[in-house]
Amino acid sequence: MHYDVFNGDADGIIALLQLRLATPLDSQLVTGVKRDIQLLAKVPFQTGDSLTVLDVSMAKNSAALQQALAAGARVFYADHHQAGDIPQHDNLQAHINLDANMCTALIVDELLQGQYHDWAITAAYGDNLLKVADGLAAKAGLRTSQAEQLKELGTLINYNGYGKTTADLHYHPADLLRALSGYTSPFEVIADPDSAYHVLKAAYERDIAHALALEAVHQSPLLRVFELPDESASHRVSGVYGNLLANQQPDQAHLVLTEADEQHFTVSLRAPLSNKQGAGTLCAQFETGGGREAAAGINLLPKQDLTCLIEAVEAYYG
C-alpha cells in the first residue's frame, strides 16, 4: 500500500499535485484541516508499505515516523517546518528546507526540475511568500495579470484548508486535490467555469468581508491583534486573514485569535514580513503550538495565557 500524507493547505495540496502529475500513483490519501498536522499517526503502515509525507512538521510526527521506519516502510518526506532530529535511515528520503522563503511545493518543484512550475508559484502565493512568488513569476515570463491570477488561486486553496473540522471546509482537502488533479496548469482551473476556483472565490469574498470589518483588540508599534468569533466563517478565514493583515503592515507582527470555546483561542501568528523569523519558536512555547519562521499557530491557547503570548511576541520583535 502507498499512502500520500499531506497538509490540507495550498502548499501541501499543490506539493502532492505536482508529484502525482509527474508520477501517477494509486494511493490512500491522508490529510485534514490545516492544523491537523500529526497525520502520520493515522497511517496503519505495515512492512513493505511506502509513504509520501508533505508539508507537516517532522518534529511533530517524529514518533510515528520512527515507528514507520522500524516497521520497514519506505518514506519520502518533504517539508519546511520544524524538523527536530532527522533520522538517519536507509528507508527515509528526507528533503527538509527551513528557509523562511521556502515552501514544500517549491522543494518539490526543484526535485521535478520545474516540470509544473506554475503550480509551484501558485503554492508560494498561497503560503504568503509573495515576494518569492512575484520573483518566480517574473523570471518565468508571466504577465502581471497572470501572476495576480495565480496569487488569487493560491490564496483560495489555502483559505479552504482552515476550519475546526473538515465539516467547516467547502471541500475536504482530499476532494480538492482530486478536483485539481485533472488540470496540468493552474490557468486551466481558472479558465474552467465549473472548477473549484469559482466556488471558493465566491465563498472567500463573503467570509473575508466580515473579518475586514473588525477593529484591532490590541495594537502597538510591534503588534496588532484581532479576535474572531467562534463561527465556521471565522475558522475558514483565519489563516488568509492573518496573511492579508501581514501584507498590510509588513513591519508589525500579527495575531489572529479565533474563539475555539469558552476557555480557549485558536491562534494564527504572522511574523513581520520585514523580519520573517521566530513565529514557530514563539508558538512552540505553548503546548499545542508550532509552525515555521514566518507563520505559526497554537491550536488551543487558554485565554488566561493571552497576555503572556502578547508579551512574548512584543519582547521578541522588540
C-alpha atoms as a PDB file:
ATOM      1  CA  MET A   1       0.000   0.000   0.000  1.00  0.00           C
ATOM      2  CA  HIS A   2       1.143   3.546  -0.714  1.00  0.00           C
ATOM      3  CA  TYR A   3      -0.034   6.459   1.429  1.00  0.00           C
ATOM      4  CA  ASP A   4       0.094  10.115   0.414  1.00  0.00           C
ATOM      5  CA  VAL A   5       0.152  12.132   3.649  1.00  0.00           C
ATOM      6  CA  PHE A   6      -0.188  15.889   3.196  1.00  0.00           C
ATOM      7  CA  ASN A   7      -1.234  19.107   4.872  1.00  0.00           C
ATOM      8  CA  GLY A   8      -4.662  20.299   3.773  1.00  0.00           C
ATOM      9  CA  ASP A   9      -3.483  23.801   2.822  1.00  0.00           C
ATOM     10  CA  ALA A  10      -2.310  25.155  -0.543  1.00  0.00           C
ATOM     11  CA  ASP A  11       1.300  24.139  -0.015  1.00  0.00           C
ATOM     12  CA  GLY A  12       0.535  20.548   0.950  1.00  0.00           C
ATOM     13  CA  ILE A  13      -2.083  20.031  -1.757  1.00  0.00           C
ATOM     14  CA  ILE A  14      -0.006  21.542  -4.547  1.00  0.00           C
ATOM     15  CA  ALA A  15       3.180  19.777  -3.463  1.00  0.00           C
ATOM     16  CA  LEU A  16       1.375  16.448  -3.865  1.00  0.00           C
ATOM     17  CA  LEU A  17      -0.412  17.586  -7.018  1.00  0.00           C
ATOM     18  CA  GLN A  18       2.936  18.192  -8.712  1.00  0.00           C
ATOM     19  CA  LEU A  19       4.279  14.806  -7.661  1.00  0.00           C
ATOM     20  CA  ARG A  20       1.224  12.917  -8.883  1.00  0.00           C
ATOM     21  CA  LEU A  21       1.061  14.811 -12.160  1.00  0.00           C
ATOM     22  CA  ALA A  22       4.672  13.743 -12.712  1.00  0.00           C
ATOM     23  CA  THR A  23       4.256  10.215 -11.312  1.00  0.00           C
ATOM     24  CA  PRO A  24       0.646   8.984 -11.155  1.00  0.00           C
ATOM     25  CA  LEU A  25       0.157   6.526  -8.332  1.00  0.00           C
ATOM     26  CA  ASP A  26      -2.803   4.739  -6.778  1.00  0.00           C
ATOM     27  CA  SER A  27      -2.614   5.765  -3.135  1.00  0.00           C
ATOM     28  CA  GLN A  28      -4.546   6.246   0.063  1.00  0.00           C
ATOM     29  CA  LEU A  29      -4.868   9.959   0.857  1.00  0.00           C
ATOM     30  CA  VAL A  30      -4.296  11.010   4.483  1.00  0.00           C
ATOM     31  CA  THR A  31      -4.988  14.662   5.223  1.00  0.00           C
ATOM     32  CA  GLY A  32      -7.197  17.025   7.193  1.00  0.00           C
ATOM     33  CA  VAL A  33      -7.679  20.653   8.102  1.00  0.00           C
ATOM     34  CA  LYS A  34      -4.659  22.938   8.069  1.00  0.00           C
ATOM     35  CA  ARG A  35      -3.971  22.498  11.796  1.00  0.00           C
ATOM     36  CA  ASP A  36      -4.282  18.721  11.693  1.00  0.00           C
ATOM     37  CA  ILE A  37      -0.557  18.048  11.388  1.00  0.00           C
ATOM     38  CA  GLN A  38       0.044  14.832  13.344  1.00  0.00           C
ATOM     39  CA  LEU A  39      -1.060  12.892  10.308  1.00  0.00           C
ATOM     40  CA  LEU A  40       1.433  10.030  10.340  1.00  0.00           C
ATOM     41  CA  ALA A  41      -0.232   8.634  13.454  1.00  0.00           C
ATOM     42  CA  LYS A  42      -3.318   7.961  11.299  1.00  0.00           C
ATOM     43  CA  VAL A  43      -1.467   5.679   8.872  1.00  0.00           C
ATOM     44  CA  PRO A  44      -1.793   1.904   9.538  1.00  0.00           C
ATOM     45  CA  PHE A  45       1.572   1.203   7.904  1.00  0.00           C
ATOM     46  CA  GLN A  46       2.989  -2.280   7.510  1.00  0.00           C
ATOM     47  CA  THR A  47       6.225  -3.789   6.247  1.00  0.00           C
ATOM     48  CA  GLY A  48       6.530  -3.112   2.548  1.00  0.00           C
ATOM     49  CA  ASP A  49       4.297  -0.038   2.563  1.00  0.00           C
ATOM     50  CA  SER A  50       5.531   3.280   1.187  1.00  0.00           C
ATOM     51  CA  LEU A  51       4.640   6.796   2.267  1.00  0.00           C
ATOM     52  CA  THR A  52       4.957  10.254   0.795  1.00  0.00           C
ATOM     53  CA  VAL A  53       4.761  12.893   3.547  1.00  0.00           C
ATOM     54  CA  LEU A  54       4.409  16.550   2.606  1.00  0.00           C
ATOM     55  CA  ASP A  55       4.197  19.839   4.476  1.00  0.00           C
ATOM     56  CA  VAL A  56       3.825  18.550   8.039  1.00  0.00           C
ATOM     57  CA  SER A  57       6.455  19.032  10.722  1.00  0.00           C
ATOM     58  CA  MET A  58       8.789  16.084  11.136  1.00  0.00           C
ATOM     59  CA  ALA A  59       9.270  17.117  14.764  1.00  0.00           C
ATOM     60  CA  LYS A  60       5.521  16.801  15.390  1.00  0.00           C
ATOM     61  CA  ASN A  61       5.428  13.399  13.645  1.00  0.00           C
ATOM     62  CA  SER A  62       8.712  12.037  14.988  1.00  0.00           C
ATOM     63  CA  ALA A  63       7.336   9.086  16.968  1.00  0.00           C
ATOM     64  CA  ALA A  64       5.114   7.860  14.132  1.00  0.00           C
ATOM     65  CA  LEU A  65       7.921   8.301  11.616  1.00  0.00           C
ATOM     66  CA  GLN A  66      10.247   6.187  13.756  1.00  0.00           C
ATOM     67  CA  GLN A  67       7.551   3.527  14.013  1.00  0.00           C
ATOM     68  CA  ALA A  68       7.025   3.514  10.244  1.00  0.00           C
ATOM     69  CA  LEU A  69      10.729   3.116   9.587  1.00  0.00           C
ATOM     70  CA  ALA A  70      11.030   0.400  12.237  1.00  0.00           C
ATOM     71  CA  ALA A  71       8.145  -1.445  10.587  1.00  0.00           C
ATOM     72  CA  GLY A  72      10.029  -1.455   7.288  1.00  0.00           C
ATOM     73  CA  ALA A  73       8.021   1.233   5.495  1.00  0.00           C
ATOM     74  CA  ARG A  74       9.774   3.409   2.912  1.00  0.00           C
ATOM     75  CA  VAL A  75       9.260   7.151   3.435  1.00  0.00           C
ATOM     76  CA  PHE A  76       9.718  10.158   1.143  1.00  0.00           C
ATOM     77  CA  TYR A  77       9.469  13.285   3.311  1.00  0.00           C
ATOM     78  CA  ALA A  78       9.491  16.900   2.079  1.00  0.00           C
ATOM     79  CA  ASP A  79       8.792  19.845   4.364  1.00  0.00           C
ATOM     80  CA  HIS A  80       9.826  23.312   5.563  1.00  0.00           C
ATOM     81  CA  HIS A  81       8.598  23.234   9.182  1.00  0.00           C
ATOM     82  CA  GLN A  82      10.446  22.365  12.373  1.00  0.00           C
ATOM     83  CA  ALA A  83      12.156  19.025  11.802  1.00  0.00           C
ATOM     84  CA  GLY A  84      13.951  18.186  15.046  1.00  0.00           C
ATOM     85  CA  ASP A  85      16.476  15.378  14.678  1.00  0.00           C
ATOM     86  CA  ILE A  86      16.163  13.842  11.210  1.00  0.00           C
ATOM     87  CA  PRO A  87      16.542  10.038  11.454  1.00  0.00           C
ATOM     88  CA  GLN A  88      19.429   8.515   9.537  1.00  0.00           C
ATOM     89  CA  HIS A  89      17.773   5.518   7.909  1.00  0.00           C
ATOM     90  CA  ASP A  90      18.118   3.787   4.550  1.00  0.00           C
ATOM     91  CA  ASN A  91      14.327   3.836   4.095  1.00  0.00           C
ATOM     92  CA  LEU A  92      13.992   7.595   4.638  1.00  0.00           C
ATOM     93  CA  GLN A  93      14.453  10.089   1.822  1.00  0.00           C
ATOM     94  CA  ALA A  94      14.236  13.485   3.530  1.00  0.00           C
ATOM     95  CA  HIS A  95      14.100  16.829   1.743  1.00  0.00           C
ATOM     96  CA  ILE A  96      13.891  19.406   4.535  1.00  0.00           C
ATOM     97  CA  ASN A  97      14.496  23.121   3.944  1.00  0.00           C
ATOM     98  CA  LEU A  98      13.747  25.500   6.822  1.00  0.00           C
ATOM     99  CA  ASP A  99      14.484  28.703   4.913  1.00  0.00           C
ATOM    100  CA  ALA A 100      11.755  31.278   5.633  1.00  0.00           C
ATOM    101  CA  ASN A 101      11.433  31.924   1.894  1.00  0.00           C
ATOM    102  CA  MET A 102      10.850  28.268   1.018  1.00  0.00           C
ATOM    103  CA  CYS A 103       7.721  26.119   0.993  1.00  0.00           C
ATOM    104  CA  THR A 104       7.170  22.416   0.367  1.00  0.00           C
ATOM    105  CA  ALA A 105       5.806  22.884  -3.140  1.00  0.00           C
ATOM    106  CA  LEU A 106       8.984  24.772  -4.085  1.00  0.00           C
ATOM    107  CA  ILE A 107      11.079  21.910  -2.678  1.00  0.00           C
ATOM    108  CA  VAL A 108       9.107  19.521  -4.896  1.00  0.00           C
ATOM    109  CA  ASP A 109       9.421  21.945  -7.809  1.00  0.00           C
ATOM    110  CA  GLU A 110      13.207  21.759  -7.526  1.00  0.00           C
ATOM    111  CA  LEU A 111      13.116  17.963  -7.402  1.00  0.00           C
ATOM    112  CA  LEU A 112      10.940  17.905 -10.531  1.00  0.00           C
ATOM    113  CA  GLN A 113      13.153  20.499 -12.243  1.00  0.00           C
ATOM    114  CA  GLY A 114      10.263  22.905 -12.741  1.00  0.00           C
ATOM    115  CA  GLN A 115       8.027  20.460 -14.584  1.00  0.00           C
ATOM    116  CA  TYR A 116       4.876  22.090 -13.138  1.00  0.00           C
ATOM    117  CA  HIS A 117       6.395  25.413 -12.218  1.00  0.00           C
ATOM    118  CA  ASP A 118       3.195  27.477 -12.471  1.00  0.00           C
ATOM    119  CA  TRP A 119       1.633  25.233  -9.836  1.00  0.00           C
ATOM    120  CA  ALA A 120       4.651  25.757  -7.559  1.00  0.00           C
ATOM    121  CA  ILE A 121       4.326  29.529  -7.958  1.00  0.00           C
ATOM    122  CA  THR A 122       0.634  29.224  -7.038  1.00  0.00           C
ATOM    123  CA  ALA A 123       1.591  27.377  -3.850  1.00  0.00           C
ATOM    124  CA  ALA A 124       4.161  30.032  -2.933  1.00  0.00           C
ATOM    125  CA  TYR A 125       1.486  32.687  -3.260  1.00  0.00           C
ATOM    126  CA  GLY A 126      -0.878  30.569  -1.166  1.00  0.00           C
ATOM    127  CA  ASP A 127       1.788  30.224   1.544  1.00  0.00           C
ATOM    128  CA  ASN A 128       2.126  34.033   1.593  1.00  0.00           C
ATOM    129  CA  LEU A 129       5.617  34.030   0.055  1.00  0.00           C
ATOM    130  CA  LEU A 130       4.524  36.938  -2.084  1.00  0.00           C
ATOM    131  CA  LYS A 131       7.926  38.418  -2.920  1.00  0.00           C
ATOM    132  CA  VAL A 132       9.313  34.975  -3.700  1.00  0.00           C
ATOM    133  CA  ALA A 133       6.337  34.164  -5.887  1.00  0.00           C
ATOM    134  CA  ASP A 134       6.476  37.539  -7.640  1.00  0.00           C
ATOM    135  CA  GLY A 135      10.137  36.943  -8.449  1.00  0.00           C
ATOM    136  CA  LEU A 136       9.475  33.438  -9.751  1.00  0.00           C
ATOM    137  CA  ALA A 137       6.555  34.660 -11.848  1.00  0.00           C
ATOM    138  CA  ALA A 138       8.650  37.430 -13.402  1.00  0.00           C
ATOM    139  CA  LYS A 139      11.517  35.039 -14.076  1.00  0.00           C
ATOM    140  CA  ALA A 140       9.075  32.628 -15.721  1.00  0.00           C
ATOM    141  CA  GLY A 141       7.910  35.407 -18.061  1.00  0.00           C
ATOM    142  CA  LEU A 142       4.384  35.631 -16.670  1.00  0.00           C
ATOM    143  CA  ARG A 143       2.465  38.860 -17.144  1.00  0.00           C
ATOM    144  CA  THR A 144       1.447  40.815 -14.042  1.00  0.00           C
ATOM    145  CA  SER A 145      -2.181  39.844 -14.673  1.00  0.00           C
ATOM    146  CA  GLN A 146      -1.216  36.158 -14.800  1.00  0.00           C
ATOM    147  CA  ALA A 147       0.746  36.439 -11.564  1.00  0.00           C
ATOM    148  CA  GLU A 148      -2.310  38.013  -9.915  1.00  0.00           C
ATOM    149  CA  GLN A 149      -4.426  35.077 -11.094  1.00  0.00           C
ATOM    150  CA  LEU A 150      -2.021  32.595  -9.523  1.00  0.00           C
ATOM    151  CA  LYS A 151      -1.939  34.661  -6.340  1.00  0.00           C
ATOM    152  CA  GLU A 152      -5.720  34.565  -6.078  1.00  0.00           C
ATOM    153  CA  LEU A 153      -5.931  30.825  -6.778  1.00  0.00           C
ATOM    154  CA  GLY A 154      -3.210  30.048  -4.224  1.00  0.00           C
ATOM    155  CA  THR A 155      -4.995  32.184  -1.628  1.00  0.00           C
ATOM    156  CA  LEU A 156      -8.294  30.413  -2.288  1.00  0.00           C
ATOM    157  CA  ILE A 157      -6.804  26.925  -1.998  1.00  0.00           C
ATOM    158  CA  ASN A 158      -5.140  27.970   1.250  1.00  0.00           C
ATOM    159  CA  TYR A 159      -8.373  29.505   2.544  1.00  0.00           C
ATOM    160  CA  ASN A 160     -10.142  26.184   2.024  1.00  0.00           C
ATOM    161  CA  GLY A 161      -7.789  24.411   4.446  1.00  0.00           C
ATOM    162  CA  TYR A 162      -8.781  26.292   7.592  1.00  0.00           C
ATOM    163  CA  GLY A 163     -11.539  25.082   9.893  1.00  0.00           C
ATOM    164  CA  LYS A 164     -12.173  23.438  13.260  1.00  0.00           C
ATOM    165  CA  THR A 165     -13.028  20.253  11.398  1.00  0.00           C
ATOM    166  CA  THR A 166     -13.342  19.261   7.752  1.00  0.00           C
ATOM    167  CA  ALA A 167     -17.083  19.929   8.090  1.00  0.00           C
ATOM    168  CA  ASP A 168     -16.241  23.667   8.118  1.00  0.00           C
ATOM    169  CA  LEU A 169     -14.454  23.438   4.770  1.00  0.00           C
ATOM    170  CA  HIS A 170     -16.012  23.903   1.360  1.00  0.00           C
ATOM    171  CA  TYR A 171     -14.005  20.923   0.082  1.00  0.00           C
ATOM    172  CA  HIS A 172     -12.345  18.153   2.047  1.00  0.00           C
ATOM    173  CA  PRO A 173      -8.639  18.602   1.161  1.00  0.00           C
ATOM    174  CA  ALA A 174      -8.525  15.139  -0.414  1.00  0.00           C
ATOM    175  CA  ASP A 175     -11.514  16.032  -2.590  1.00  0.00           C
ATOM    176  CA  LEU A 176      -9.948  19.357  -3.553  1.00  0.00           C
ATOM    177  CA  LEU A 177      -6.747  17.561  -4.557  1.00  0.00           C
ATOM    178  CA  ARG A 178      -8.774  15.186  -6.713  1.00  0.00           C
ATOM    179  CA  ALA A 179     -10.663  18.117  -8.257  1.00  0.00           C
ATOM    180  CA  LEU A 180      -7.409  19.879  -9.165  1.00  0.00           C
ATOM    181  CA  SER A 181      -5.595  16.782 -10.390  1.00  0.00           C
ATOM    182  CA  GLY A 182      -7.299  16.974 -13.773  1.00  0.00           C
ATOM    183  CA  TYR A 183      -5.512  20.230 -14.599  1.00  0.00           C
ATOM    184  CA  THR A 184      -1.861  20.304 -15.599  1.00  0.00           C
ATOM    185  CA  SER A 185      -1.830  24.096 -15.280  1.00  0.00           C
ATOM    186  CA  PRO A 186      -3.465  26.411 -12.735  1.00  0.00           C
ATOM    187  CA  PHE A 187      -4.599  28.609 -15.611  1.00  0.00           C
ATOM    188  CA  GLU A 188      -6.787  25.726 -16.794  1.00  0.00           C
ATOM    189  CA  VAL A 189      -8.536  25.722 -13.400  1.00  0.00           C
ATOM    190  CA  ILE A 190      -9.206  29.441 -13.596  1.00  0.00           C
ATOM    191  CA  ALA A 191     -10.497  29.184 -17.179  1.00  0.00           C
ATOM    192  CA  ASP A 192     -12.944  26.379 -16.348  1.00  0.00           C
ATOM    193  CA  PRO A 193     -16.268  27.938 -15.215  1.00  0.00           C
ATOM    194  CA  ASP A 194     -17.179  24.723 -13.383  1.00  0.00           C
ATOM    195  CA  SER A 195     -13.942  24.416 -11.380  1.00  0.00           C
ATOM    196  CA  ALA A 196     -13.442  24.710  -7.620  1.00  0.00           C
ATOM    197  CA  TYR A 197     -11.798  28.100  -8.172  1.00  0.00           C
ATOM    198  CA  HIS A 198     -15.137  29.799  -8.786  1.00  0.00           C
ATOM    199  CA  VAL A 199     -16.841  28.137  -5.813  1.00  0.00           C
ATOM    200  CA  LEU A 200     -14.029  29.152  -3.463  1.00  0.00           C
ATOM    201  CA  LYS A 201     -13.815  32.681  -4.844  1.00  0.00           C
ATOM    202  CA  ALA A 202     -17.457  33.434  -4.063  1.00  0.00           C
ATOM    203  CA  ALA A 203     -17.198  31.875  -0.585  1.00  0.00           C
ATOM    204  CA  TYR A 204     -13.957  33.670   0.269  1.00  0.00           C
ATOM    205  CA  GLU A 205     -15.366  37.064  -0.644  1.00  0.00           C
ATOM    206  CA  ARG A 206     -18.289  36.510   1.734  1.00  0.00           C
ATOM    207  CA  ASP A 207     -16.103  35.339   4.625  1.00  0.00           C
ATOM    208  CA  ILE A 208     -13.337  37.924   4.348  1.00  0.00           C
ATOM    209  CA  ALA A 209     -15.807  40.826   4.298  1.00  0.00           C
ATOM    210  CA  HIS A 210     -16.826  40.048   7.895  1.00  0.00           C
ATOM    211  CA  ALA A 211     -13.226  39.861   9.094  1.00  0.00           C
ATOM    212  CA  LEU A 212     -12.185  43.111   7.419  1.00  0.00           C
ATOM    213  CA  ALA A 213     -14.870  44.989   9.352  1.00  0.00           C
ATOM    214  CA  LEU A 214     -13.183  44.208  12.699  1.00  0.00           C
ATOM    215  CA  GLU A 215     -11.056  46.607  14.746  1.00  0.00           C
ATOM    216  CA  ALA A 216      -7.855  45.509  16.484  1.00  0.00           C
ATOM    217  CA  VAL A 217      -8.309  44.472  20.130  1.00  0.00           C
ATOM    218  CA  HIS A 218      -4.657  45.298  20.830  1.00  0.00           C
ATOM    219  CA  GLN A 219      -2.279  47.496  18.866  1.00  0.00           C
ATOM    220  CA  SER A 220       1.280  48.664  19.374  1.00  0.00           C
ATOM    221  CA  PRO A 221       4.150  49.635  17.049  1.00  0.00           C
ATOM    222  CA  LEU A 222       5.224  45.964  17.121  1.00  0.00           C
ATOM    223  CA  LEU A 223       1.969  44.025  17.047  1.00  0.00           C
ATOM    224  CA  ARG A 224      -1.676  44.057  16.021  1.00  0.00           C
ATOM    225  CA  VAL A 225      -4.174  41.573  17.499  1.00  0.00           C
ATOM    226  CA  PHE A 226      -7.585  40.744  16.051  1.00  0.00           C
ATOM    227  CA  GLU A 227     -10.285  38.493  17.520  1.00  0.00           C
ATOM    228  CA  LEU A 228     -12.810  36.467  15.524  1.00  0.00           C
ATOM    229  CA  PRO A 229     -15.952  34.824  16.953  1.00  0.00           C
ATOM    230  CA  ASP A 230     -16.440  31.039  17.114  1.00  0.00           C
ATOM    231  CA  GLU A 231     -18.126  30.658  13.737  1.00  0.00           C
ATOM    232  CA  SER A 232     -17.344  28.447  10.747  1.00  0.00           C
ATOM    233  CA  ALA A 233     -16.596  31.503   8.617  1.00  0.00           C
ATOM    234  CA  SER A 234     -14.072  32.721  11.195  1.00  0.00           C
ATOM    235  CA  HIS A 235     -12.223  29.412  11.302  1.00  0.00           C
ATOM    236  CA  ARG A 236     -12.178  29.263   7.500  1.00  0.00           C
ATOM    237  CA  VAL A 237     -10.781  32.737   7.020  1.00  0.00           C
ATOM    238  CA  SER A 238      -8.358  32.982   9.970  1.00  0.00           C
ATOM    239  CA  GLY A 239      -5.185  31.984   8.133  1.00  0.00           C
ATOM    240  CA  VAL A 240      -5.616  34.014   4.966  1.00  0.00           C
ATOM    241  CA  TYR A 241      -6.838  36.931   7.099  1.00  0.00           C
ATOM    242  CA  GLY A 242      -3.550  36.791   9.013  1.00  0.00           C
ATOM    243  CA  ASN A 243      -1.648  36.844   5.724  1.00  0.00           C
ATOM    244  CA  LEU A 244      -3.677  39.800   4.493  1.00  0.00           C
ATOM    245  CA  LEU A 245      -3.000  41.752   7.686  1.00  0.00           C
ATOM    246  CA  ALA A 246       0.724  40.971   7.473  1.00  0.00           C
ATOM    247  CA  ASN A 247       0.870  42.339   3.958  1.00  0.00           C
ATOM    248  CA  GLN A 248      -0.969  45.490   5.032  1.00  0.00           C
ATOM    249  CA  GLN A 249       1.598  46.288   7.751  1.00  0.00           C
ATOM    250  CA  PRO A 250       4.841  44.425   6.936  1.00  0.00           C
ATOM    251  CA  ASP A 251       6.780  45.868   9.887  1.00  0.00           C
ATOM    252  CA  GLN A 252       4.355  44.574  12.513  1.00  0.00           C
ATOM    253  CA  ALA A 253       3.635  41.087  13.820  1.00  0.00           C
ATOM    254  CA  HIS A 254       0.010  39.939  13.755  1.00  0.00           C
ATOM    255  CA  LEU A 255      -2.046  37.660  15.952  1.00  0.00           C
ATOM    256  CA  VAL A 256      -5.446  36.425  14.804  1.00  0.00           C
ATOM    257  CA  LEU A 257      -7.411  34.904  17.677  1.00  0.00           C
ATOM    258  CA  THR A 258     -10.401  32.749  16.815  1.00  0.00           C
ATOM    259  CA  GLU A 259     -12.559  31.710  19.746  1.00  0.00           C
ATOM    260  CA  ALA A 260     -12.400  27.915  19.971  1.00  0.00           C
ATOM    261  CA  ASP A 261     -14.595  27.579  23.075  1.00  0.00           C
ATOM    262  CA  GLU A 262     -15.273  29.496  26.274  1.00  0.00           C
ATOM    263  CA  GLN A 263     -11.778  28.799  27.620  1.00  0.00           C
ATOM    264  CA  HIS A 264      -9.565  28.808  24.521  1.00  0.00           C
ATOM    265  CA  PHE A 265      -8.477  30.677  21.414  1.00  0.00           C
ATOM    266  CA  THR A 266      -7.092  29.187  18.232  1.00  0.00           C
ATOM    267  CA  VAL A 267      -4.151  31.396  17.269  1.00  0.00           C
ATOM    268  CA  SER A 268      -2.512  32.349  13.986  1.00  0.00           C
ATOM    269  CA  LEU A 269       0.758  34.288  14.331  1.00  0.00           C
ATOM    270  CA  ARG A 270       2.452  36.061  11.443  1.00  0.00           C
ATOM    271  CA  ALA A 271       5.961  37.411  11.906  1.00  0.00           C
ATOM    272  CA  PRO A 272       6.634  40.857  10.419  1.00  0.00           C
ATOM    273  CA  LEU A 273       7.304  40.412   6.703  1.00  0.00           C
ATOM    274  CA  SER A 274      10.335  42.652   7.184  1.00  0.00           C
ATOM    275  CA  ASN A 275      11.685  40.235   9.821  1.00  0.00           C
ATOM    276  CA  LYS A 276      10.449  36.742   8.923  1.00  0.00           C
ATOM    277  CA  GLN A 277      11.681  34.774  11.897  1.00  0.00           C
ATOM    278  CA  GLY A 278      10.617  33.464  15.272  1.00  0.00           C
ATOM    279  CA  ALA A 279       6.920  32.663  14.776  1.00  0.00           C
ATOM    280  CA  GLY A 280       7.392  28.909  15.145  1.00  0.00           C
ATOM    281  CA  THR A 281       9.643  29.313  18.190  1.00  0.00           C
ATOM    282  CA  LEU A 282       7.160  31.629  19.896  1.00  0.00           C
ATOM    283  CA  CYS A 283       4.170  29.357  19.317  1.00  0.00           C
ATOM    284  CA  ALA A 284       6.106  26.223  20.287  1.00  0.00           C
ATOM    285  CA  GLN A 285       6.441  27.661  23.796  1.00  0.00           C
ATOM    286  CA  PHE A 286       2.755  26.800  24.239  1.00  0.00           C
ATOM    287  CA  GLU A 287       1.523  23.216  24.499  1.00  0.00           C
ATOM    288  CA  THR A 288      -0.365  22.954  21.197  1.00  0.00           C
ATOM    289  CA  GLY A 289       1.779  25.418  19.238  1.00  0.00           C
ATOM    290  CA  GLY A 290       4.268  25.177  16.417  1.00  0.00           C
ATOM    291  CA  GLY A 291       4.976  26.245  12.860  1.00  0.00           C
ATOM    292  CA  ARG A 292       7.742  27.843  10.861  1.00  0.00           C
ATOM    293  CA  GLU A 293       9.809  31.027  10.990  1.00  0.00           C
ATOM    294  CA  ALA A 294       7.334  33.330   9.230  1.00  0.00           C
ATOM    295  CA  ALA A 295       3.994  31.824  10.225  1.00  0.00           C
ATOM    296  CA  ALA A 296       2.835  29.628  13.078  1.00  0.00           C
ATOM    297  CA  GLY A 297      -0.116  28.859  15.286  1.00  0.00           C
ATOM    298  CA  ILE A 298      -1.470  27.486  18.535  1.00  0.00           C
ATOM    299  CA  ASN A 299      -4.382  25.078  18.284  1.00  0.00           C
ATOM    300  CA  LEU A 300      -5.740  25.738  21.777  1.00  0.00           C
ATOM    301  CA  LEU A 301      -4.431  28.694  23.792  1.00  0.00           C
ATOM    302  CA  PRO A 302      -6.018  29.092  27.247  1.00  0.00           C
ATOM    303  CA  LYS A 303      -7.488  32.574  27.327  1.00  0.00           C
ATOM    304  CA  GLN A 304      -5.635  33.377  30.545  1.00  0.00           C
ATOM    305  CA  ASP A 305      -2.355  32.874  28.610  1.00  0.00           C
ATOM    306  CA  LEU A 306      -3.137  35.561  26.018  1.00  0.00           C
ATOM    307  CA  THR A 307      -1.324  38.325  27.921  1.00  0.00           C
ATOM    308  CA  CYS A 308       1.742  36.083  28.182  1.00  0.00           C
ATOM    309  CA  LEU A 309       1.642  35.434  24.433  1.00  0.00           C
ATOM    310  CA  ILE A 310       1.310  39.122  23.571  1.00  0.00           C
ATOM    311  CA  GLU A 311       4.213  39.995  25.873  1.00  0.00           C
ATOM    312  CA  ALA A 312       6.355  37.234  24.375  1.00  0.00           C
ATOM    313  CA  VAL A 313       5.676  38.397  20.806  1.00  0.00           C
ATOM    314  CA  GLU A 314       6.398  42.044  21.601  1.00  0.00           C
ATOM    315  CA  ALA A 315       9.564  41.163  23.516  1.00  0.00           C
ATOM    316  CA  TYR A 316      10.826  39.005  20.650  1.00  0.00           C
ATOM    317  CA  TYR A 317      10.274  41.560  17.898  1.00  0.00           C
ATOM    318  CA  GLY A 318      11.245  44.498  20.053  1.00  0.00           C
END
